[in-house]
């Protein structure tokens, strides 16, 4: 399964900075506390979901923004792409 940042945002590795920014904005707009609570209620008891919602919401938002920042900074993106290539190669590091 692909757990890359590109997959998180539904992007190809060749995506432009504008495409990345647009997808990030879309994801951040969809990442609401209500959506998090609803999703947690499908996985946890109501009480566990209630207690976890704010923390998951805050951490998830930070993760989305940090992930987008990696792809929007050219040197960070180049390093990340090299790391992805190393992960997918059959040659041990």
Protein backbone atom coordinates (compact mmCIF):
# COMPACT_ATOMS: atom_id res chain seq x y z
CA UNK A 1 0.00 0.00 0.00
CA UNK A 2 1.20 3.50 -0.81
CA UNK A 3 1.48 5.64 2.30
CA UNK A 4 3.38 8.48 0.65
CA UNK A 5 2.49 12.13 1.02
CA UNK A 6 1.55 12.11 -2.64
CA UNK A 7 -1.00 9.40 -1.92
CA UNK A 8 -2.30 11.30 1.12
CA UNK A 9 -3.20 14.22 -1.13
CA UNK A 10 -4.17 12.12 -4.15
CA UNK A 11 -1.32 13.55 -6.25
CA UNK A 12 1.11 12.25 -8.84
CA UNK A 13 4.80 12.76 -8.14
CA UNK A 14 4.89 15.13 -11.08
CA UNK A 15 2.30 17.47 -9.53
CA UNK A 16 3.00 21.18 -9.72
CA UNK A 17 3.26 23.38 -6.61
CA UNK A 18 -0.13 24.89 -7.50
CA UNK A 19 -1.74 21.44 -7.64
CA UNK A 20 -0.15 20.54 -4.31
CA UNK A 21 -1.35 23.77 -2.71
CA UNK A 22 -4.88 23.26 -4.03
CA UNK A 23 -5.07 19.66 -2.76
CA UNK A 24 -3.72 20.73 0.62
CA UNK A 25 -6.33 23.47 0.92
CA UNK A 26 -9.06 21.00 -0.03
CA UNK A 27 -7.87 18.43 2.52
CA UNK A 28 -7.55 21.05 5.26
CA UNK A 29 -11.07 22.35 4.53
CA UNK A 30 -12.45 18.81 4.76
CA UNK A 31 -10.51 18.12 7.99
CA UNK A 32 -13.11 19.38 10.45
CA UNK A 33 -13.61 18.45 14.05
CA UNK A 34 -17.05 17.12 13.16
CA UNK A 35 -15.65 14.89 10.42
CA UNK A 36 -12.99 13.58 12.80
CA UNK A 37 -15.58 12.87 15.51
CA UNK A 38 -17.84 11.07 13.04
CA UNK A 39 -15.00 8.90 11.77
CA UNK A 40 -13.73 8.11 15.28
CA UNK A 41 -17.24 7.04 16.31
CA UNK A 42 -17.08 4.31 13.65
CA UNK A 43 -13.84 2.94 15.14
CA UNK A 44 -14.13 3.63 18.87
CA UNK A 45 -16.77 3.71 21.57
CA UNK A 46 -18.63 7.01 21.88
CA UNK A 47 -16.72 7.88 25.04
CA UNK A 48 -13.32 7.07 23.52
CA UNK A 49 -14.21 9.10 20.42
CA UNK A 50 -15.30 12.06 22.54
CA UNK A 51 -12.06 12.00 24.52
CA UNK A 52 -9.84 11.62 21.44
CA UNK A 53 -11.48 13.95 18.94
CA UNK A 54 -9.71 17.21 19.78
CA UNK A 55 -6.26 15.61 19.96
CA UNK A 56 -6.69 13.70 16.69
CA UNK A 57 -8.08 16.83 15.02
CA UNK A 58 -5.12 18.99 16.09
CA UNK A 59 -2.45 16.40 15.28
CA UNK A 60 -4.05 15.52 11.94
CA UNK A 61 -4.19 19.15 10.91
CA UNK A 62 -0.54 19.60 11.81
CA UNK A 63 0.35 16.47 9.84
CA UNK A 64 -1.50 17.70 6.75
CA UNK A 65 0.21 21.09 6.86
CA UNK A 66 3.66 19.63 7.53
CA UNK A 67 3.23 17.15 4.71
CA UNK A 68 2.24 19.89 2.29
CA UNK A 69 5.23 21.98 3.40
CA UNK A 70 7.58 19.14 2.48
CA UNK A 71 6.17 19.00 -1.03
CA UNK A 72 6.04 22.77 -1.48
CA UNK A 73 9.68 23.39 -0.53
CA UNK A 74 11.82 22.38 -3.56
CA UNK A 75 14.80 21.07 -1.58
CA UNK A 76 12.62 19.17 0.89
CA UNK A 77 10.64 17.67 -1.97
CA UNK A 78 13.82 16.59 -3.77
CA UNK A 79 15.05 14.90 -0.58
CA UNK A 80 11.67 13.26 0.01
CA UNK A 81 11.53 11.99 -3.59
CA UNK A 82 15.04 10.53 -3.23
CA UNK A 83 13.97 8.80 -0.02
CA UNK A 84 10.90 7.36 -1.78
CA UNK A 85 13.11 6.10 -4.59
CA UNK A 86 15.48 4.46 -2.08
CA UNK A 87 12.52 2.82 -0.31
CA UNK A 88 11.19 1.34 -3.53
CA UNK A 89 14.52 0.14 -4.92
CA UNK A 90 15.58 -3.46 -4.54
CA UNK A 91 19.15 -2.46 -3.67
CA UNK A 92 19.90 -2.33 0.07
CA UNK A 93 21.16 1.04 1.26
